[in-house]
Amino acid sequence: MAIVSFESVIENGQVRLPAHLRLPDKTKVYILIPDLETKQVSRIPSPRLLHPEQAADFKKEVIEVKSNATL
């Protein structure tokens, strides 16, 4: 696989290639971004049961309470 590199810039969220460069549709490209500082994103995973058979212990019960207008 041959690799050719070009310097480009981002304008309005899109890569602006050099004017002389024309790429066919669906050309696979790789973008390398030097010296870009990104924010570290925290990820909080969903809790998992160690024993899935305990799932029944967490079954919710909905109880409908009628309002008491005399209070």
PDB file of N, CA and C in Angstrom:
ATOM      1  N   MET A   1       0.852  -1.164   0.000  1.00  0.00           N
ATOM      2  CA  MET A   1       0.000   0.000   0.000  1.00  0.00           C
ATOM      3  C   MET A   1       0.902   1.233   0.000  1.00  0.00           C
ATOM      4  N   ALA A   2       0.726   2.086  -0.966  1.00  0.00           N
ATOM      5  CA  ALA A   2       1.484   3.338  -1.038  1.00  0.00           C
ATOM      6  C   ALA A   2       0.773   4.403  -0.215  1.00  0.00           C
ATOM      7  N   ILE A   3       1.562   5.257   0.411  1.00  0.00           N
ATOM      8  CA  ILE A   3       0.995   6.329   1.218  1.00  0.00           C
ATOM      9  C   ILE A   3       1.558   7.654   0.731  1.00  0.00           C
ATOM     10  N   VAL A   4       0.669   8.601   0.468  1.00  0.00           N
ATOM     11  CA  VAL A   4       1.045   9.947   0.070  1.00  0.00           C
ATOM     12  C   VAL A   4       0.461  10.889   1.108  1.00  0.00           C
ATOM     13  N   SER A   5       1.205  11.899   1.533  1.00  0.00           N
ATOM     14  CA  SER A   5       0.676  12.812   2.534  1.00  0.00           C
ATOM     15  C   SER A   5       0.556  14.219   1.967  1.00  0.00           C
ATOM     16  N   PHE A   6      -0.469  14.937   2.438  1.00  0.00           N
ATOM     17  CA  PHE A   6      -0.719  16.327   2.061  1.00  0.00           C
ATOM     18  C   PHE A   6      -1.066  17.090   3.323  1.00  0.00           C
ATOM     19  N   GLU A   7      -0.665  18.329   3.404  1.00  0.00           N
ATOM     20  CA  GLU A   7      -1.056  19.167   4.526  1.00  0.00           C
ATOM     21  C   GLU A   7      -2.362  19.857   4.168  1.00  0.00           C
ATOM     22  N   SER A   8      -3.318  19.796   5.055  1.00  0.00           N
ATOM     23  CA  SER A   8      -4.643  20.384   4.832  1.00  0.00           C
ATOM     24  C   SER A   8      -5.064  21.132   6.081  1.00  0.00           C
ATOM     25  N   VAL A   9      -6.186  21.835   5.969  1.00  0.00           N
ATOM     26  CA  VAL A   9      -6.755  22.525   7.115  1.00  0.00           C
ATOM     27  C   VAL A   9      -8.235  22.171   7.224  1.00  0.00           C
ATOM     28  N   ILE A  10      -8.775  22.416   8.403  1.00  0.00           N
ATOM     29  CA  ILE A  10     -10.202  22.206   8.636  1.00  0.00           C
ATOM     30  C   ILE A  10     -10.887  23.557   8.546  1.00  0.00           C
ATOM     31  N   GLU A  11     -11.932  23.631   7.730  1.00  0.00           N
ATOM     32  CA  GLU A  11     -12.761  24.838   7.624  1.00  0.00           C
ATOM     33  C   GLU A  11     -14.215  24.434   7.757  1.00  0.00           C
ATOM     34  N   ASN A  12     -14.904  25.061   8.696  1.00  0.00           N
ATOM     35  CA  ASN A  12     -16.322  24.743   8.955  1.00  0.00           C
ATOM     36  C   ASN A  12     -16.529  23.260   9.186  1.00  0.00           C
ATOM     37  N   GLY A  13     -15.591  22.632   9.884  1.00  0.00           N
ATOM     38  CA  GLY A  13     -15.728  21.221  10.230  1.00  0.00           C
ATOM     39  C   GLY A  13     -15.392  20.254   9.115  1.00  0.00           C
ATOM     40  N   GLN A  14     -14.904  20.744   7.969  1.00  0.00           N
ATOM     41  CA  GLN A  14     -14.574  19.861   6.854  1.00  0.00           C
ATOM     42  C   GLN A  14     -13.111  20.023   6.471  1.00  0.00           C
ATOM     43  N   VAL A  15     -12.525  18.953   5.963  1.00  0.00           N
ATOM     44  CA  VAL A  15     -11.133  18.989   5.537  1.00  0.00           C
ATOM     45  C   VAL A  15     -11.054  19.713   4.194  1.00  0.00           C
ATOM     46  N   ARG A  16     -10.204  20.730   4.131  1.00  0.00           N
ATOM     47  CA  ARG A  16      -9.987  21.452   2.870  1.00  0.00           C
ATOM     48  C   ARG A  16      -8.648  20.981   2.304  1.00  0.00           C
ATOM     49  N   LEU A  17      -8.720  20.250   1.214  1.00  0.00           N
ATOM     50  CA  LEU A  17      -7.525  19.712   0.562  1.00  0.00           C
ATOM     51  C   LEU A  17      -6.887  20.773  -0.326  1.00  0.00           C
ATOM     52  N   PRO A  18      -5.618  20.610  -0.687  1.00  0.00           N
ATOM     53  CA  PRO A  18      -4.990  21.542  -1.617  1.00  0.00           C
ATOM     54  C   PRO A  18      -5.777  21.614  -2.928  1.00  0.00           C
ATOM     55  N   ALA A  19      -5.803  22.789  -3.551  1.00  0.00           N
ATOM     56  CA  ALA A  19      -6.629  23.021  -4.745  1.00  0.00           C
ATOM     57  C   ALA A  19      -6.296  22.060  -5.880  1.00  0.00           C
ATOM     58  N   HIS A  20      -5.045  21.673  -6.018  1.00  0.00           N
ATOM     59  CA  HIS A  20      -4.654  20.805  -7.137  1.00  0.00           C
ATOM     60  C   HIS A  20      -5.010  19.333  -6.911  1.00  0.00           C
ATOM     61  N   LEU A  21      -5.421  18.977  -5.713  1.00  0.00           N
ATOM     62  CA  LEU A  21      -5.674  17.578  -5.386  1.00  0.00           C
ATOM     63  C   LEU A  21      -7.133  17.215  -5.629  1.00  0.00           C
ATOM     64  N   ARG A  22      -7.359  16.226  -6.449  1.00  0.00           N
ATOM     65  CA  ARG A  22      -8.706  15.706  -6.722  1.00  0.00           C
ATOM     66  C   ARG A  22      -8.712  14.220  -6.392  1.00  0.00           C
ATOM     67  N   LEU A  23      -9.597  13.829  -5.504  1.00  0.00           N
ATOM     68  CA  LEU A  23      -9.703  12.422  -5.111  1.00  0.00           C
ATOM     69  C   LEU A  23     -11.018  11.848  -5.617  1.00  0.00           C
ATOM     70  N   PRO A  24     -10.997  10.608  -6.090  1.00  0.00           N
ATOM     71  CA  PRO A  24     -12.249   9.984  -6.522  1.00  0.00           C
ATOM     72  C   PRO A  24     -13.181   9.755  -5.322  1.00  0.00           C
ATOM     73  N   ASP A  25     -14.484   9.712  -5.590  1.00  0.00           N
ATOM     74  CA  ASP A  25     -15.451   9.419  -4.537  1.00  0.00           C
ATOM     75  C   ASP A  25     -15.108   8.090  -3.874  1.00  0.00           C
ATOM     76  N   LYS A  26     -15.379   8.020  -2.595  1.00  0.00           N
ATOM     77  CA  LYS A  26     -15.189   6.830  -1.766  1.00  0.00           C
ATOM     78  C   LYS A  26     -13.719   6.439  -1.599  1.00  0.00           C
ATOM     79  N   THR A  27     -12.824   7.402  -1.829  1.00  0.00           N
ATOM     80  CA  THR A  27     -11.412   7.140  -1.571  1.00  0.00           C
ATOM     81  C   THR A  27     -11.205   7.036  -0.066  1.00  0.00           C
ATOM     82  N   LYS A  28     -10.526   5.994   0.387  1.00  0.00           N
ATOM     83  CA  LYS A  28     -10.242   5.835   1.805  1.00  0.00           C
ATOM     84  C   LYS A  28      -9.070   6.742   2.160  1.00  0.00           C
ATOM     85  N   VAL A  29      -9.236   7.546   3.192  1.00  0.00           N
ATOM     86  CA  VAL A  29      -8.180   8.450   3.644  1.00  0.00           C
ATOM     87  C   VAL A  29      -7.987   8.257   5.144  1.00  0.00           C
ATOM     88  N   TYR A  30      -6.811   8.594   5.621  1.00  0.00           N
ATOM     89  CA  TYR A  30      -6.491   8.560   7.036  1.00  0.00           C
ATOM     90  C   TYR A  30      -6.069   9.969   7.432  1.00  0.00           C
ATOM     91  N   ILE A  31      -6.563  10.434   8.552  1.00  0.00           N
ATOM     92  CA  ILE A  31      -6.247  11.788   8.992  1.00  0.00           C
ATOM     93  C   ILE A  31      -5.442  11.689  10.282  1.00  0.00           C
ATOM     94  N   LEU A  32      -4.268  12.287  10.278  1.00  0.00           N
ATOM     95  CA  LEU A  32      -3.424  12.365  11.464  1.00  0.00           C
ATOM     96  C   LEU A  32      -3.446  13.805  11.944  1.00  0.00           C
ATOM     97  N   ILE A  33      -3.669  14.020  13.221  1.00  0.00           N
ATOM     98  CA  ILE A  33      -3.778  15.372  13.758  1.00  0.00           C
ATOM     99  C   ILE A  33      -2.640  15.584  14.754  1.00  0.00           C
ATOM    100  N   PRO A  34      -1.620  16.356  14.375  1.00  0.00           N
ATOM    101  CA  PRO A  34      -0.496  16.567  15.288  1.00  0.00           C
ATOM    102  C   PRO A  34      -0.835  17.580  16.379  1.00  0.00           C
ATOM    103  N   ASP A  35      -0.331  17.327  17.555  1.00  0.00           N
ATOM    104  CA  ASP A  35      -0.406  18.270  18.677  1.00  0.00           C
ATOM    105  C   ASP A  35      -1.826  18.718  19.031  1.00  0.00           C
ATOM    106  N   LEU A  36      -2.795  17.862  18.885  1.00  0.00           N
ATOM    107  CA  LEU A  36      -4.163  18.222  19.263  1.00  0.00           C
ATOM    108  C   LEU A  36      -4.396  17.805  20.701  1.00  0.00           C
ATOM    109  N   GLU A  37      -4.803  18.752  21.523  1.00  0.00           N
ATOM    110  CA  GLU A  37      -5.119  18.441  22.910  1.00  0.00           C
ATOM    111  C   GLU A  37      -6.617  18.195  23.027  1.00  0.00           C
ATOM    112  N   THR A  38      -6.971  17.063  23.579  1.00  0.00           N
ATOM    113  CA  THR A  38      -8.375  16.720  23.746  1.00  0.00           C
ATOM    114  C   THR A  38      -8.690  16.602  25.228  1.00  0.00           C
ATOM    115  N   LYS A  39      -9.930  16.837  25.571  1.00  0.00           N
ATOM    116  CA  LYS A  39     -10.373  16.688  26.949  1.00  0.00           C
ATOM    117  C   LYS A  39     -10.562  15.206  27.240  1.00  0.00           C
ATOM    118  N   GLN A  40     -10.160  14.810  28.428  1.00  0.00           N
ATOM    119  CA  GLN A  40     -10.368  13.437  28.863  1.00  0.00           C
ATOM    120  C   GLN A  40     -11.848  13.270  29.198  1.00  0.00           C
ATOM    121  N   VAL A  41     -12.503  12.309  28.607  1.00  0.00           N
ATOM    122  CA  VAL A  41     -13.926  12.077  28.832  1.00  0.00           C
ATOM    123  C   VAL A  41     -14.084  10.958  29.850  1.00  0.00           C
ATOM    124  N   SER A  42     -14.822  11.245  30.904  1.00  0.00           N
ATOM    125  CA  SER A  42     -15.077  10.221  31.913  1.00  0.00           C
ATOM    126  C   SER A  42     -16.177   9.306  31.417  1.00  0.00           C
ATOM    127  N   ARG A  43     -16.018   8.043  31.702  1.00  0.00           N
ATOM    128  CA  ARG A  43     -17.032   7.067  31.320  1.00  0.00           C
ATOM    129  C   ARG A  43     -17.444   6.311  32.565  1.00  0.00           C
ATOM    130  N   ILE A  44     -18.728   6.332  32.858  1.00  0.00           N
ATOM    131  CA  ILE A  44     -19.252   5.598  33.998  1.00  0.00           C
ATOM    132  C   ILE A  44     -20.070   4.444  33.438  1.00  0.00           C
ATOM    133  N   PRO A  45     -19.555   3.232  33.536  1.00  0.00           N
ATOM    134  CA  PRO A  45     -20.279   2.092  32.962  1.00  0.00           C
ATOM    135  C   PRO A  45     -21.534   1.758  33.782  1.00  0.00           C
ATOM    136  N   SER A  46     -22.460   1.091  33.152  1.00  0.00           N
ATOM    137  CA  SER A  46     -23.667   0.651  33.837  1.00  0.00           C
ATOM    138  C   SER A  46     -23.302  -0.429  34.845  1.00  0.00           C
ATOM    139  N   PRO A  47     -23.994  -0.451  35.970  1.00  0.00           N
ATOM    140  CA  PRO A  47     -23.703  -1.516  36.941  1.00  0.00           C
ATOM    141  C   PRO A  47     -24.118  -2.873  36.382  1.00  0.00           C
ATOM    142  N   ARG A  48     -23.372  -3.873  36.736  1.00  0.00           N
ATOM    143  CA  ARG A  48     -23.658  -5.242  36.292  1.00  0.00           C
ATOM    144  C   ARG A  48     -23.798  -6.125  37.530  1.00  0.00           C
ATOM    145  N   LEU A  49     -24.702  -7.070  37.458  1.00  0.00           N
ATOM    146  CA  LEU A  49     -24.860  -8.021  38.553  1.00  0.00           C
ATOM    147  C   LEU A  49     -23.796  -9.105  38.436  1.00  0.00           C
ATOM    148  N   LEU A  50     -23.185  -9.434  39.552  1.00  0.00           N
ATOM    149  CA  LEU A  50     -22.226 -10.517  39.564  1.00  0.00           C
ATOM    150  C   LEU A  50     -22.942 -11.838  39.301  1.00  0.00           C
ATOM    151  N   HIS A  51     -24.150 -11.956  39.855  1.00  0.00           N
ATOM    152  CA  HIS A  51     -24.961 -13.161  39.669  1.00  0.00           C
ATOM    153  C   HIS A  51     -26.290 -12.749  39.035  1.00  0.00           C
ATOM    154  N   PRO A  52     -26.444 -12.928  37.706  1.00  0.00           N
ATOM    155  CA  PRO A  52     -27.674 -12.489  37.027  1.00  0.00           C
ATOM    156  C   PRO A  52     -28.950 -13.077  37.607  1.00  0.00           C
ATOM    157  N   GLU A  53     -28.852 -14.210  38.266  1.00  0.00           N
ATOM    158  CA  GLU A  53     -30.064 -14.797  38.856  1.00  0.00           C
ATOM    159  C   GLU A  53     -30.618 -13.934  39.988  1.00  0.00           C
ATOM    160  N   GLN A  54     -29.853 -12.948  40.466  1.00  0.00           N
ATOM    161  CA  GLN A  54     -30.320 -12.038  41.506  1.00  0.00           C
ATOM    162  C   GLN A  54     -31.158 -10.890  40.937  1.00  0.00           C
ATOM    163  N   ALA A  55     -31.369 -10.840  39.641  1.00  0.00           N
ATOM    164  CA  ALA A  55     -32.118  -9.754  39.013  1.00  0.00           C
ATOM    165  C   ALA A  55     -33.527  -9.643  39.584  1.00  0.00           C
ATOM    166  N   ALA A  56     -34.127 -10.761  39.967  1.00  0.00           N
ATOM    167  CA  ALA A  56     -35.480 -10.736  40.525  1.00  0.00           C
ATOM    168  C   ALA A  56     -35.525  -9.936  41.829  1.00  0.00           C
ATOM    169  N   ASP A  57     -34.413  -9.832  42.536  1.00  0.00           N
ATOM    170  CA  ASP A  57     -34.373  -9.059  43.783  1.00  0.00           C
ATOM    171  C   ASP A  57     -34.579  -7.570  43.531  1.00  0.00           C
ATOM    172  N   PHE A  58     -34.383  -7.134  42.294  1.00  0.00           N
ATOM    173  CA  PHE A  58     -34.480  -5.712  41.964  1.00  0.00           C
ATOM    174  C   PHE A  58     -35.747  -5.376  41.176  1.00  0.00           C
ATOM    175  N   LYS A  59     -36.712  -6.294  41.157  1.00  0.00           N
ATOM    176  CA  LYS A  59     -37.955  -6.068  40.432  1.00  0.00           C
ATOM    177  C   LYS A  59     -38.724  -4.927  41.100  1.00  0.00           C
ATOM    178  N   LYS A  60     -39.194  -3.998  40.276  1.00  0.00           N
ATOM    179  CA  LYS A  60     -39.941  -2.845  40.797  1.00  0.00           C
ATOM    180  C   LYS A  60     -41.418  -3.169  40.883  1.00  0.00           C
ATOM    181  N   GLU A  61     -42.051  -2.617  41.905  1.00  0.00           N
ATOM    182  CA  GLU A  61     -43.485  -2.745  42.060  1.00  0.00           C
ATOM    183  C   GLU A  61     -44.058  -1.332  42.078  1.00  0.00           C
ATOM    184  N   VAL A  62     -45.032  -1.068  41.213  1.00  0.00           N
ATOM    185  CA  VAL A  62     -45.645   0.251  41.133  1.00  0.00           C
ATOM    186  C   VAL A  62     -46.932   0.218  41.944  1.00  0.00           C
ATOM    187  N   ILE A  63     -47.020   1.126  42.897  1.00  0.00           N
ATOM    188  CA  ILE A  63     -48.221   1.225  43.727  1.00  0.00           C
ATOM    189  C   ILE A  63     -48.845   2.581  43.453  1.00  0.00           C
ATOM    190  N   GLU A  64     -50.082   2.569  42.992  1.00  0.00           N
ATOM    191  CA  GLU A  64     -50.768   3.821  42.690  1.00  0.00           C
ATOM    192  C   GLU A  64     -51.538   4.260  43.929  1.00  0.00           C
ATOM    193  N   VAL A  65     -51.280   5.476  44.358  1.00  0.00           N
ATOM    194  CA  VAL A  65     -51.933   6.040  45.534  1.00  0.00           C
ATOM    195  C   VAL A  65     -52.900   7.120  45.070  1.00  0.00           C
ATOM    196  N   LYS A  66     -54.138   7.017  45.484  1.00  0.00           N
ATOM    197  CA  LYS A  66     -55.134   8.029  45.126  1.00  0.00           C
ATOM    198  C   LYS A  66     -54.969   9.223  46.038  1.00  0.00           C
ATOM    199  N   SER A  67     -55.035  10.393  45.459  1.00  0.00           N
ATOM    200  CA  SER A  67     -54.858  11.595  46.267  1.00  0.00           C
ATOM    201  C   SER A  67     -56.058  11.780  47.208  1.00  0.00           C
ATOM    202  N   ASN A  68     -55.796  12.340  48.351  1.00  0.00           N
ATOM    203  CA  ASN A  68     -56.835  12.592  49.339  1.00  0.00           C
ATOM    204  C   ASN A  68     -57.092  14.100  49.348  1.00  0.00           C
ATOM    205  N   ALA A  69     -58.228  14.500  48.758  1.00  0.00           N
ATOM    206  CA  ALA A  69     -58.542  15.922  48.612  1.00  0.00           C
ATOM    207  C   ALA A  69     -58.902  16.578  49.939  1.00  0.00           C
ATOM    208  N   THR A  70     -59.156  15.811  50.974  1.00  0.00           N
ATOM    209  CA  THR A  70     -59.577  16.404  52.243  1.00  0.00           C
ATOM    210  C   THR A  70     -58.414  16.876  53.088  1.00  0.00           C
ATOM    211  N   LEU A  71     -57.186  16.614  52.683  1.00  0.00           N
ATOM    212  CA  LEU A  71     -56.062  17.045  53.509  1.00  0.00           C
ATOM    213  C   LEU A  71     -55.810  18.472  53.361  1.00  0.00           C
TER     214      LEU A  71
END
